[in-house]
Amino acid sequence: MSMPFYVAPEQVMKDRADYARKGIAKGRSLCAVSYDDGILFAAENTSSTLRKISEIYDRIAFAGVGRYSEFDQLRVAGVRHADMKGYAYSREDVDAQSLANAYAQMLNHTFTHEMKPMEVEILVAEIGDERAGDELFHILYDGSVVDEDRFSVLGGEADAITARLDESWADELDLGAALRAAVGALAGDDRALGADDLEIAVLARSNGRRKFARIEGEALTALLG
């Protein structure tokens, strides 16, 4: 009887992390930016049907990068989780932090127990009645959760985009300025992104009970200026 090869646990975890990061880096990046009326989401996405940014609940949005089939599976699970909690308790009891914790447990379990980790990074965002109540939870492929403040960047070019956003972001940006800052950070100095290259959405305090809305077509072109 042959003996199986021994691989140190540290090496197994490193190999899984490298595999997940390489898969995520193949896709386009995404960012979320805080502005005066809520949170803006901007992704480089030429598809009109395969969405990276979606509504989860009244005040909560979801965004993902990496392998589409995997983060869309997580989106569906999040919608079901929120609907069940809202039905069992009340709509006010559905919050981004508990949803982010549930996602973190799912991703961590897959990362540590399955042969192949999920090649995804996701973002769960919620807006409050005041800007101080806005929340951005960035969840990595291994279940790590980062509580972001001014903005959050997901994807393989996160470091470069974060550096550009750090230069252009300012407190109390309006929607147009936040959009131009986000798109400029995604594009960099050597490219230009038009309305057809982008997927844009917001969680806005002025939107009524359901805060999520997409910005498309002429409205997006006008905001891009």
Protein backbone atom coordinates (compact mmCIF):
# COMPACT_ATOMS: atom_id res chain seq x y z
CA MET A 1 0.00 0.00 0.00
CA SER A 2 1.50 3.33 -1.07
CA MET A 3 1.68 6.19 1.42
CA PRO A 4 0.07 9.50 0.41
CA PHE A 5 2.33 12.49 -0.06
CA TYR A 6 2.45 14.81 2.95
CA VAL A 7 1.79 18.51 2.32
CA ALA A 8 2.12 20.99 5.16
CA PRO A 9 -1.18 22.74 6.06
CA GLU A 10 0.51 26.11 5.58
CA GLN A 11 1.42 25.18 2.01
CA VAL A 12 -2.13 23.99 1.27
CA MET A 13 -3.58 27.30 2.47
CA LYS A 14 -1.01 29.29 0.48
CA ASP A 15 -1.75 27.34 -2.70
CA ARG A 16 -5.50 27.87 -2.29
CA ALA A 17 -5.02 31.59 -1.68
CA ASP A 18 -2.78 31.94 -4.76
CA TYR A 19 -5.33 30.05 -6.86
CA ALA A 20 -8.19 32.29 -5.70
CA ARG A 21 -6.23 35.51 -6.24
CA LYS A 22 -5.23 34.51 -9.77
CA GLY A 23 -8.84 33.74 -10.65
CA ILE A 24 -10.07 37.07 -9.25
CA ALA A 25 -7.34 39.01 -11.08
CA LYS A 26 -8.61 37.77 -14.46
CA GLY A 27 -11.77 39.90 -14.16
CA ARG A 28 -12.36 43.64 -14.13
CA SER A 29 -12.29 45.61 -10.91
CA LEU A 30 -15.12 47.35 -9.07
CA CYS A 31 -15.34 50.15 -6.52
CA ALA A 32 -17.87 51.68 -4.14
CA VAL A 33 -17.58 55.33 -3.13
CA SER A 34 -19.33 57.22 -0.35
CA TYR A 35 -20.96 60.49 -1.46
CA ASP A 36 -23.28 63.05 0.15
CA ASP A 37 -26.56 61.18 -0.52
CA GLY A 38 -25.38 57.58 -0.14
CA ILE A 39 -23.05 55.09 -1.79
CA LEU A 40 -22.10 54.87 -5.48
CA PHE A 41 -21.05 51.57 -7.12
CA ALA A 42 -19.02 51.54 -10.32
CA ALA A 43 -17.82 48.49 -12.24
CA GLU A 44 -16.18 48.01 -15.59
CA ASN A 45 -18.74 45.75 -17.27
CA THR A 46 -19.80 45.74 -20.92
CA SER A 47 -22.59 43.18 -20.40
CA SER A 48 -26.16 44.43 -20.05
CA THR A 49 -27.40 41.17 -18.52
CA LEU A 50 -24.59 39.72 -16.35
CA ARG A 51 -24.65 42.13 -13.44
CA LYS A 52 -21.90 42.63 -10.87
CA ILE A 53 -23.99 44.98 -8.70
CA SER A 54 -27.42 44.08 -7.33
CA GLU A 55 -30.02 44.91 -4.71
CA ILE A 56 -30.27 42.57 -1.72
CA TYR A 57 -32.86 44.37 0.42
CA ASP A 58 -34.39 47.80 1.02
CA ARG A 59 -31.15 49.47 2.15
CA ILE A 60 -28.60 46.81 1.21
CA ALA A 61 -26.66 46.19 -2.01
CA PHE A 62 -24.30 43.45 -3.13
CA ALA A 63 -21.34 43.64 -5.50
CA GLY A 64 -18.92 40.94 -6.62
CA VAL A 65 -15.85 40.37 -8.78
CA GLY A 66 -14.21 37.17 -9.96
CA ARG A 67 -16.02 34.10 -11.26
CA TYR A 68 -19.56 35.22 -12.14
CA SER A 69 -21.30 31.90 -11.44
CA GLU A 70 -19.86 31.81 -7.92
CA PHE A 71 -20.62 35.36 -6.80
CA ASP A 72 -24.09 35.18 -8.35
CA GLN A 73 -24.69 32.05 -6.28
CA LEU A 74 -23.72 34.09 -3.21
CA ARG A 75 -26.04 36.93 -4.28
CA VAL A 76 -29.01 34.56 -4.50
CA ALA A 77 -28.16 33.09 -1.08
CA GLY A 78 -28.02 36.62 0.35
CA VAL A 79 -31.43 37.54 -1.05
CA ARG A 80 -32.95 34.40 0.48
CA HIS A 81 -31.24 35.05 3.83
CA ALA A 82 -32.53 38.63 3.94
CA ASP A 83 -36.07 37.67 2.86
CA MET A 84 -36.32 34.93 5.47
CA LYS A 85 -35.04 37.17 8.26
CA GLY A 86 -37.33 40.03 7.26
CA TYR A 87 -40.32 37.67 7.11
CA ALA A 88 -39.54 35.95 10.44
CA TYR A 89 -38.80 39.17 12.35
CA SER A 90 -39.19 42.56 10.68
CA ARG A 91 -37.68 44.47 7.75
CA GLU A 92 -35.70 46.65 10.17
CA ASP A 93 -33.90 43.57 11.53
CA VAL A 94 -32.23 42.85 8.18
CA ASP A 95 -28.79 44.46 8.28
CA ALA A 96 -25.55 44.33 6.31
CA GLN A 97 -23.36 43.23 9.20
CA SER A 98 -25.23 39.98 9.86
CA LEU A 99 -25.34 39.29 6.12
CA ALA A 100 -21.59 39.94 5.81
CA ASN A 101 -20.95 37.55 8.71
CA ALA A 102 -23.04 34.86 7.01
CA TYR A 103 -21.09 35.33 3.76
CA ALA A 104 -17.79 35.20 5.66
CA GLN A 105 -18.73 31.86 7.21
CA MET A 106 -19.71 30.41 3.83
CA LEU A 107 -16.50 31.55 2.14
CA ASN A 108 -14.29 30.45 5.04
CA HIS A 109 -15.89 26.99 5.08
CA THR A 110 -15.32 26.58 1.34
CA PHE A 111 -11.74 27.86 1.60
CA THR A 112 -10.74 25.53 4.43
CA HIS A 113 -12.75 22.38 3.63
CA GLU A 114 -13.14 22.18 -0.16
CA MET A 115 -10.49 21.36 -2.74
CA LYS A 116 -11.17 24.53 -4.74
CA PRO A 117 -11.83 27.89 -3.05
CA MET A 118 -14.32 30.37 -4.48
CA GLU A 119 -12.63 32.78 -6.88
CA VAL A 120 -14.57 35.81 -5.64
CA GLU A 121 -14.41 39.00 -3.63
CA ILE A 122 -17.73 40.52 -2.58
CA LEU A 123 -19.00 43.73 -1.05
CA VAL A 124 -22.08 44.19 1.13
CA ALA A 125 -23.17 47.80 1.63
CA GLU A 126 -25.93 49.44 3.64
CA ILE A 127 -26.94 53.08 4.01
CA GLY A 128 -28.40 54.62 7.12
CA ASP A 129 -30.62 57.63 7.66
CA GLU A 130 -27.45 59.66 8.26
CA ARG A 131 -24.08 59.34 6.58
CA ALA A 132 -22.54 58.08 9.82
CA GLY A 133 -24.76 54.99 9.50
CA ASP A 134 -23.39 53.95 6.08
CA GLU A 135 -21.50 50.62 6.09
CA LEU A 136 -19.20 48.89 3.60
CA PHE A 137 -18.14 45.29 4.31
CA HIS A 138 -15.50 43.88 1.95
CA ILE A 139 -15.37 40.06 2.18
CA LEU A 140 -12.40 38.18 0.71
CA TYR A 141 -12.23 34.70 -0.82
CA ASP A 142 -11.08 33.18 2.51
CA GLY A 143 -13.89 34.70 4.58
CA SER A 144 -11.88 37.65 5.93
CA VAL A 145 -14.07 40.73 6.50
CA VAL A 146 -12.82 44.31 6.17
CA ASP A 147 -15.00 47.19 7.39
CA GLU A 148 -14.30 50.00 4.90
CA ASP A 149 -15.01 53.70 5.38
CA ARG A 150 -14.72 56.22 2.53
CA PHE A 151 -14.57 53.76 -0.35
CA SER A 152 -13.85 50.13 -1.16
CA VAL A 153 -12.11 48.53 -4.15
CA LEU A 154 -12.43 44.90 -5.26
CA GLY A 155 -10.46 42.99 -7.88
CA GLY A 156 -6.98 42.31 -9.14
CA GLU A 157 -5.93 45.95 -9.61
CA ALA A 158 -7.23 47.03 -6.20
CA ASP A 159 -3.97 48.60 -5.01
CA ALA A 160 -3.55 50.88 -8.03
CA ILE A 161 -7.23 51.88 -8.08
CA THR A 162 -7.20 52.55 -4.33
CA ALA A 163 -4.19 54.85 -4.75
CA ARG A 164 -5.97 56.82 -7.50
CA LEU A 165 -9.19 57.07 -5.48
CA ASP A 166 -7.25 58.23 -2.44
CA GLU A 167 -6.04 61.21 -4.50
CA SER A 168 -9.41 62.13 -6.03
CA TRP A 169 -11.86 61.40 -3.19
CA ALA A 170 -13.03 64.26 -0.98
CA ASP A 171 -15.60 64.59 1.77
CA GLU A 172 -19.15 65.55 0.71
CA LEU A 173 -18.80 64.70 -2.97
CA ASP A 174 -22.02 64.99 -4.95
CA LEU A 175 -23.17 62.18 -7.24
CA GLY A 176 -21.53 63.51 -10.40
CA ALA A 177 -18.18 64.15 -8.72
CA ALA A 178 -18.22 60.74 -7.02
CA LEU A 179 -18.99 59.05 -10.35
CA ARG A 180 -16.18 60.82 -12.17
CA ALA A 181 -13.73 60.01 -9.36
CA ALA A 182 -14.72 56.33 -9.41
CA VAL A 183 -14.58 55.99 -13.20
CA GLY A 184 -11.27 57.86 -13.38
CA ALA A 185 -9.79 55.52 -10.78
CA LEU A 186 -11.01 52.43 -12.64
CA ALA A 187 -9.71 53.66 -15.99
CA GLY A 188 -6.33 55.05 -14.95
CA ASP A 189 -4.33 57.55 -16.99
CA ASP A 190 -4.02 55.58 -20.22
CA ARG A 191 -7.67 54.64 -20.86
CA ALA A 192 -11.10 56.24 -21.07
CA LEU A 193 -14.31 54.45 -20.05
CA GLY A 194 -17.63 55.43 -21.61
CA ALA A 195 -21.20 54.71 -20.56
CA ASP A 196 -21.24 51.46 -22.57
CA ASP A 197 -18.23 50.15 -20.64
CA LEU A 198 -19.72 50.70 -17.20
CA GLU A 199 -22.25 49.34 -14.74
CA ILE A 200 -23.31 52.03 -12.28
CA ALA A 201 -25.73 51.87 -9.34
CA VAL A 202 -26.42 53.76 -6.12
CA LEU A 203 -27.89 53.37 -2.67
CA ALA A 204 -29.38 56.82 -2.16
CA ARG A 205 -31.14 58.20 0.91
CA SER A 206 -33.46 60.23 -1.34
CA ASN A 207 -34.85 57.15 -3.13
CA GLY A 208 -37.73 56.27 -0.80
CA ARG A 209 -38.10 52.91 0.93
CA ARG A 210 -36.08 50.96 -1.63
CA LYS A 211 -32.77 52.80 -1.82
CA PHE A 212 -31.16 50.90 -4.71
CA ALA A 213 -31.24 52.29 -8.25
CA ARG A 214 -29.27 51.78 -11.44
CA ILE A 215 -27.93 54.68 -13.51
CA GLU A 216 -27.95 53.93 -17.22
CA GLY A 217 -28.36 55.43 -20.66
CA GLU A 218 -28.70 59.19 -21.05
CA ALA A 219 -28.66 59.80 -17.31
CA LEU A 220 -25.26 58.11 -17.03
CA THR A 221 -23.88 59.90 -20.09
CA ALA A 222 -24.94 63.27 -18.64
CA LEU A 223 -23.31 62.55 -15.27
CA LEU A 224 -20.08 61.48 -16.93
CA GLY A 225 -20.04 64.92 -18.51
